[in-house]
Amino acid sequence: DPWIVREGDTYYYMATLGERLAIRATRDLTRLAEAKETVVWRPPVTGPNAQSIWAPELHRIDGKWYIYYTAAAAGHDDDAHRGVFVLENASADPLTGTWIDRGRVATARPGIDGTTFEHRGKRYFVYSPYVGSESDLAIVAMTNPWTVTGPETILARPDRDWERQGGRQILEGPAFVKGPKG
């Protein structure tokens, strides 16, 4: 679950590490492997976000940094106890400053792989909720970078053969890509 974002002339990279959130910063993507890993957060020993730290995404929203990540509750490393959580940092540099835990995004269902984007002045949250035996993609409006509002809408279900292999039928890892006409 790699993620990379550019701010100014610096690229910030994150990936699933399991027990921590870390960022690598570089101005030269060809040297990403040499970039120092800076651990910015470790999960608590107990609580709803204590284990299985997955799919981190770093976003710059309204002058602050946010990390969206998947985690499971202590003692319950299963789909029913998994969700997307948010950290916030007001520093100009995401490698410094204090990361504030904004908690779990209060989605309608447990799920993974949360992301956010703004379109036509409105912020949205998209994630992969567990719907029966499927992992679908759902979208919901946001009032701020950690609060969803209104009903969720299922955008897509796993309907391709390669998405319907094994146990859970999986469609995950949403990303917003702005087209050339907006």
C-alpha atoms as a PDB file:
ATOM      1  CA  ASP A   1       0.000   0.000   0.000  1.00  0.00           C
ATOM      2  CA  PRO A   2       2.456   2.710  -1.066  1.00  0.00           C
ATOM      3  CA  TRP A   3       1.487   6.392  -1.150  1.00  0.00           C
ATOM      4  CA  ILE A   4       3.388   9.395  -2.435  1.00  0.00           C
ATOM      5  CA  VAL A   5       2.492  13.068  -2.461  1.00  0.00           C
ATOM      6  CA  ARG A   6       4.415  16.121  -3.618  1.00  0.00           C
ATOM      7  CA  GLU A   7       4.451  19.406  -1.734  1.00  0.00           C
ATOM      8  CA  GLY A   8       6.613  22.093  -3.313  1.00  0.00           C
ATOM      9  CA  ASP A   9       9.814  20.390  -4.443  1.00  0.00           C
ATOM     10  CA  THR A  10       9.627  17.549  -1.903  1.00  0.00           C
ATOM     11  CA  TYR A  11       8.084  14.111  -2.360  1.00  0.00           C
ATOM     12  CA  TYR A  12       6.728  12.386   0.755  1.00  0.00           C
ATOM     13  CA  TYR A  13       6.375   8.610   0.710  1.00  0.00           C
ATOM     14  CA  MET A  14       4.513   6.246   3.045  1.00  0.00           C
ATOM     15  CA  ALA A  15       3.779   2.513   2.925  1.00  0.00           C
ATOM     16  CA  THR A  16       2.359  -0.221   5.126  1.00  0.00           C
ATOM     17  CA  LEU A  17       4.813  -1.086   7.901  1.00  0.00           C
ATOM     18  CA  GLY A  18       2.422  -2.901  10.250  1.00  0.00           C
ATOM     19  CA  GLU A  19       3.345  -1.420  13.625  1.00  0.00           C
ATOM     20  CA  ARG A  20       4.196   2.219  12.909  1.00  0.00           C
ATOM     21  CA  LEU A  21       3.648   5.118  10.527  1.00  0.00           C
ATOM     22  CA  ALA A  22       6.763   6.536   8.901  1.00  0.00           C
ATOM     23  CA  ILE A  23       7.483   9.060   6.169  1.00  0.00           C
ATOM     24  CA  ARG A  24      10.403   9.297   3.773  1.00  0.00           C
ATOM     25  CA  ALA A  25      11.103  12.687   2.186  1.00  0.00           C
ATOM     26  CA  THR A  26      13.167  13.305  -0.934  1.00  0.00           C
ATOM     27  CA  ARG A  27      13.572  15.868  -3.680  1.00  0.00           C
ATOM     28  CA  ASP A  28      14.785  13.164  -6.063  1.00  0.00           C
ATOM     29  CA  LEU A  29      12.447  10.189  -6.547  1.00  0.00           C
ATOM     30  CA  THR A  30      15.276   8.137  -8.008  1.00  0.00           C
ATOM     31  CA  ARG A  31      16.885   8.257  -4.543  1.00  0.00           C
ATOM     32  CA  LEU A  32      13.748   7.352  -2.547  1.00  0.00           C
ATOM     33  CA  ALA A  33      15.296   4.131  -1.233  1.00  0.00           C
ATOM     34  CA  GLU A  34      18.105   6.214   0.316  1.00  0.00           C
ATOM     35  CA  ALA A  35      15.744   8.682   2.022  1.00  0.00           C
ATOM     36  CA  LYS A  36      15.727   8.494   5.814  1.00  0.00           C
ATOM     37  CA  GLU A  37      12.638   6.922   7.370  1.00  0.00           C
ATOM     38  CA  THR A  38      11.118   9.173  10.023  1.00  0.00           C
ATOM     39  CA  VAL A  39       8.674   7.430  12.357  1.00  0.00           C
ATOM     40  CA  VAL A  40       5.886   9.925  13.054  1.00  0.00           C
ATOM     41  CA  TRP A  41       3.459   7.720  15.036  1.00  0.00           C
ATOM     42  CA  ARG A  42       3.210   4.403  16.857  1.00  0.00           C
ATOM     43  CA  PRO A  43      -0.117   2.847  17.855  1.00  0.00           C
ATOM     44  CA  PRO A  44      -1.296   2.689  21.446  1.00  0.00           C
ATOM     45  CA  VAL A  45      -1.056  -0.646  23.250  1.00  0.00           C
ATOM     46  CA  THR A  46      -4.829  -0.763  23.666  1.00  0.00           C
ATOM     47  CA  GLY A  47      -7.806   0.808  21.916  1.00  0.00           C
ATOM     48  CA  PRO A  48      -9.515   0.763  18.530  1.00  0.00           C
ATOM     49  CA  ASN A  49      -6.332   1.530  16.531  1.00  0.00           C
ATOM     50  CA  ALA A  50      -3.770  -0.642  18.317  1.00  0.00           C
ATOM     51  CA  GLN A  51      -2.713  -3.127  15.628  1.00  0.00           C
ATOM     52  CA  SER A  52      -2.466  -4.013  11.940  1.00  0.00           C
ATOM     53  CA  ILE A  53      -1.519  -0.532  10.773  1.00  0.00           C
ATOM     54  CA  TRP A  54      -2.063  -0.499   6.985  1.00  0.00           C
ATOM     55  CA  ALA A  55      -2.396   1.704   3.942  1.00  0.00           C
ATOM     56  CA  PRO A  56      -1.260   5.130   5.183  1.00  0.00           C
ATOM     57  CA  GLU A  57      -1.953   8.175   3.041  1.00  0.00           C
ATOM     58  CA  LEU A  58      -0.512  11.646   3.651  1.00  0.00           C
ATOM     59  CA  HIS A  59      -2.645  14.624   2.569  1.00  0.00           C
ATOM     60  CA  ARG A  60      -2.141  18.403   2.818  1.00  0.00           C
ATOM     61  CA  ILE A  61      -5.530  19.986   3.549  1.00  0.00           C
ATOM     62  CA  ASP A  62      -6.103  23.651   4.406  1.00  0.00           C
ATOM     63  CA  GLY A  63      -2.507  24.162   5.544  1.00  0.00           C
ATOM     64  CA  LYS A  64      -2.320  21.066   7.762  1.00  0.00           C
ATOM     65  CA  TRP A  65      -1.091  17.524   7.221  1.00  0.00           C
ATOM     66  CA  TYR A  66      -3.357  14.516   7.680  1.00  0.00           C
ATOM     67  CA  ILE A  67      -2.550  10.821   7.687  1.00  0.00           C
ATOM     68  CA  TYR A  68      -5.366   8.384   6.961  1.00  0.00           C
ATOM     69  CA  TYR A  69      -4.574   4.790   7.896  1.00  0.00           C
ATOM     70  CA  THR A  70      -6.306   1.480   8.519  1.00  0.00           C
ATOM     71  CA  ALA A  71      -6.060  -0.185  11.936  1.00  0.00           C
ATOM     72  CA  ALA A  72      -7.733  -2.849  14.046  1.00  0.00           C
ATOM     73  CA  ALA A  73      -8.752  -2.865  17.692  1.00  0.00           C
ATOM     74  CA  ALA A  74      -6.484  -4.443  20.309  1.00  0.00           C
ATOM     75  CA  GLY A  75      -7.312  -8.123  20.695  1.00  0.00           C
ATOM     76  CA  HIS A  76      -9.634  -8.102  17.670  1.00  0.00           C
ATOM     77  CA  ASP A  77      -7.585  -8.323  14.486  1.00  0.00           C
ATOM     78  CA  ASP A  78     -10.586  -9.062  12.262  1.00  0.00           C
ATOM     79  CA  ASP A  79     -12.768  -7.295   9.706  1.00  0.00           C
ATOM     80  CA  ALA A  80     -15.495  -6.393  12.216  1.00  0.00           C
ATOM     81  CA  HIS A  81     -12.995  -4.360  14.283  1.00  0.00           C
ATOM     82  CA  ARG A  82     -11.112  -2.635  11.461  1.00  0.00           C
ATOM     83  CA  GLY A  83     -11.520   0.996  10.398  1.00  0.00           C
ATOM     84  CA  VAL A  84      -9.847   4.088   8.979  1.00  0.00           C
ATOM     85  CA  PHE A  85      -8.304   6.570  11.428  1.00  0.00           C
ATOM     86  CA  VAL A  86      -6.928  10.107  11.045  1.00  0.00           C
ATOM     87  CA  LEU A  87      -3.927  11.957  12.465  1.00  0.00           C
ATOM     88  CA  GLU A  88      -3.474  15.738  12.112  1.00  0.00           C
ATOM     89  CA  ASN A  89      -0.311  17.871  12.186  1.00  0.00           C
ATOM     90  CA  ALA A  90      -0.297  21.677  11.910  1.00  0.00           C
ATOM     91  CA  SER A  91       3.451  21.845  11.138  1.00  0.00           C
ATOM     92  CA  ALA A  92       4.555  22.978   7.683  1.00  0.00           C
ATOM     93  CA  ASP A  93       6.821  19.917   7.598  1.00  0.00           C
ATOM     94  CA  PRO A  94       5.102  16.556   8.243  1.00  0.00           C
ATOM     95  CA  LEU A  95       8.363  15.145   9.636  1.00  0.00           C
ATOM     96  CA  THR A  96       8.191  17.600  12.555  1.00  0.00           C
ATOM     97  CA  GLY A  97       5.507  18.892  14.864  1.00  0.00           C
ATOM     98  CA  THR A  98       2.910  16.956  16.831  1.00  0.00           C
ATOM     99  CA  TRP A  99       0.513  14.441  15.338  1.00  0.00           C
ATOM    100  CA  ILE A 100      -2.927  14.670  16.984  1.00  0.00           C
ATOM    101  CA  ASP A 101      -5.134  11.570  16.923  1.00  0.00           C
ATOM    102  CA  ARG A 102      -8.508  12.594  15.463  1.00  0.00           C
ATOM    103  CA  GLY A 103      -9.874   9.066  15.896  1.00  0.00           C
ATOM    104  CA  ARG A 104     -11.771   6.729  13.617  1.00  0.00           C
ATOM    105  CA  VAL A 105     -13.633   8.105  10.638  1.00  0.00           C
ATOM    106  CA  ALA A 106     -17.243   7.281  11.603  1.00  0.00           C
ATOM    107  CA  THR A 107     -18.154   5.366   8.472  1.00  0.00           C
ATOM    108  CA  ALA A 108     -21.331   3.316   8.245  1.00  0.00           C
ATOM    109  CA  ARG A 109     -19.370   0.037   8.149  1.00  0.00           C
ATOM    110  CA  PRO A 110     -15.980  -1.316   9.147  1.00  0.00           C
ATOM    111  CA  GLY A 111     -13.518  -1.025   6.281  1.00  0.00           C
ATOM    112  CA  ILE A 112     -10.060  -0.209   4.985  1.00  0.00           C
ATOM    113  CA  ASP A 113      -8.054   1.982   2.606  1.00  0.00           C
ATOM    114  CA  GLY A 114      -9.514   5.442   3.234  1.00  0.00           C
ATOM    115  CA  THR A 115      -8.705   8.420   1.051  1.00  0.00           C
ATOM    116  CA  THR A 116     -10.018  11.951   0.696  1.00  0.00           C
ATOM    117  CA  PHE A 117     -10.295  14.541  -2.047  1.00  0.00           C
ATOM    118  CA  GLU A 118     -11.952  17.848  -2.799  1.00  0.00           C
ATOM    119  CA  HIS A 119     -14.161  18.361  -5.824  1.00  0.00           C
ATOM    120  CA  ARG A 120     -15.945  21.606  -6.694  1.00  0.00           C
ATOM    121  CA  GLY A 121     -15.319  23.009  -3.223  1.00  0.00           C
ATOM    122  CA  LYS A 122     -16.607  19.971  -1.314  1.00  0.00           C
ATOM    123  CA  ARG A 123     -14.529  17.345   0.515  1.00  0.00           C
ATOM    124  CA  TYR A 124     -15.274  13.618   0.169  1.00  0.00           C
ATOM    125  CA  PHE A 125     -14.098  10.407   1.818  1.00  0.00           C
ATOM    126  CA  VAL A 126     -13.827   7.133  -0.109  1.00  0.00           C
ATOM    127  CA  TYR A 127     -12.995   3.770   1.437  1.00  0.00           C
ATOM    128  CA  SER A 128     -13.468   0.038   1.028  1.00  0.00           C
ATOM    129  CA  PRO A 129     -16.277  -1.028   3.396  1.00  0.00           C
ATOM    130  CA  TYR A 130     -17.009  -4.626   4.274  1.00  0.00           C
ATOM    131  CA  VAL A 131     -20.451  -5.372   2.832  1.00  0.00           C
ATOM    132  CA  GLY A 132     -21.273  -9.010   3.492  1.00  0.00           C
ATOM    133  CA  SER A 133     -18.647 -11.109   1.724  1.00  0.00           C
ATOM    134  CA  GLU A 134     -17.461  -8.163  -0.379  1.00  0.00           C
ATOM    135  CA  SER A 135     -15.129  -5.213  -0.034  1.00  0.00           C
ATOM    136  CA  ASP A 136     -16.832  -2.489  -2.090  1.00  0.00           C
ATOM    137  CA  LEU A 137     -15.948   1.169  -2.644  1.00  0.00           C
ATOM    138  CA  ALA A 138     -18.129   3.790  -0.932  1.00  0.00           C
ATOM    139  CA  ILE A 139     -18.138   7.597  -0.912  1.00  0.00           C
ATOM    140  CA  VAL A 140     -19.482  10.029   1.679  1.00  0.00           C
ATOM    141  CA  ALA A 141     -19.279  13.814   2.120  1.00  0.00           C
ATOM    142  CA  MET A 142     -17.105  15.337   4.841  1.00  0.00           C
ATOM    143  CA  THR A 143     -17.558  18.407   7.053  1.00  0.00           C
ATOM    144  CA  ASN A 144     -13.850  18.434   7.948  1.00  0.00           C
ATOM    145  CA  PRO A 145     -10.902  16.072   7.299  1.00  0.00           C
ATOM    146  CA  TRP A 146     -12.005  13.606  10.010  1.00  0.00           C
ATOM    147  CA  THR A 147     -15.824  13.872  10.057  1.00  0.00           C
ATOM    148  CA  VAL A 148     -18.184  12.320   7.524  1.00  0.00           C
ATOM    149  CA  THR A 149     -21.738  13.535   7.066  1.00  0.00           C
ATOM    150  CA  GLY A 150     -24.779  12.193   5.271  1.00  0.00           C
ATOM    151  CA  PRO A 151     -25.401   8.836   3.671  1.00  0.00           C
ATOM    152  CA  GLU A 152     -22.736   6.706   2.045  1.00  0.00           C
ATOM    153  CA  THR A 153     -23.092   5.689  -1.569  1.00  0.00           C
ATOM    154  CA  ILE A 154     -21.595   2.475  -2.936  1.00  0.00           C
ATOM    155  CA  LEU A 155     -19.561   3.460  -6.007  1.00  0.00           C
ATOM    156  CA  ALA A 156     -18.405   0.027  -7.131  1.00  0.00           C
ATOM    157  CA  ARG A 157     -18.567  -3.648  -6.241  1.00  0.00           C
ATOM    158  CA  PRO A 158     -16.072  -6.376  -7.172  1.00  0.00           C
ATOM    159  CA  ASP A 159     -17.528  -7.580 -10.472  1.00  0.00           C
ATOM    160  CA  ARG A 160     -14.435  -8.692 -12.365  1.00  0.00           C
ATOM    161  CA  ASP A 161     -13.172 -12.281 -12.233  1.00  0.00           C
ATOM    162  CA  TRP A 162      -9.818 -11.188 -10.772  1.00  0.00           C
ATOM    163  CA  GLU A 163     -11.665  -9.369  -7.939  1.00  0.00           C
ATOM    164  CA  ARG A 164     -13.726 -12.441  -7.062  1.00  0.00           C
ATOM    165  CA  GLN A 165     -10.971 -14.924  -6.132  1.00  0.00           C
ATOM    166  CA  GLY A 166     -10.765 -16.721  -2.793  1.00  0.00           C
ATOM    167  CA  GLY A 167     -12.738 -15.700   0.322  1.00  0.00           C
ATOM    168  CA  ARG A 168     -13.689 -12.026   0.496  1.00  0.00           C
ATOM    169  CA  GLN A 169     -14.551 -10.533  -2.892  1.00  0.00           C
ATOM    170  CA  ILE A 170     -12.216  -7.556  -2.969  1.00  0.00           C
ATOM    171  CA  LEU A 171     -12.328  -4.075  -4.451  1.00  0.00           C
ATOM    172  CA  GLU A 172     -10.068  -1.737  -2.485  1.00  0.00           C
ATOM    173  CA  GLY A 173      -7.397   0.970  -2.653  1.00  0.00           C
ATOM    174  CA  PRO A 174      -9.464   3.873  -4.035  1.00  0.00           C
ATOM    175  CA  ALA A 175      -7.700   6.915  -5.442  1.00  0.00           C
ATOM    176  CA  PHE A 176      -8.986  10.174  -6.905  1.00  0.00           C
ATOM    177  CA  VAL A 177      -7.367  11.217 -10.157  1.00  0.00           C
ATOM    178  CA  LYS A 178      -8.363  14.619 -11.477  1.00  0.00           C
ATOM    179  CA  GLY A 179      -8.925  14.599 -15.212  1.00  0.00           C
ATOM    180  CA  PRO A 180      -7.606  17.237 -17.613  1.00  0.00           C
ATOM    181  CA  LYS A 181     -10.994  19.016 -17.625  1.00  0.00           C
ATOM    182  CA  GLY A 182     -11.338  18.904 -13.832  1.00  0.00           C
END
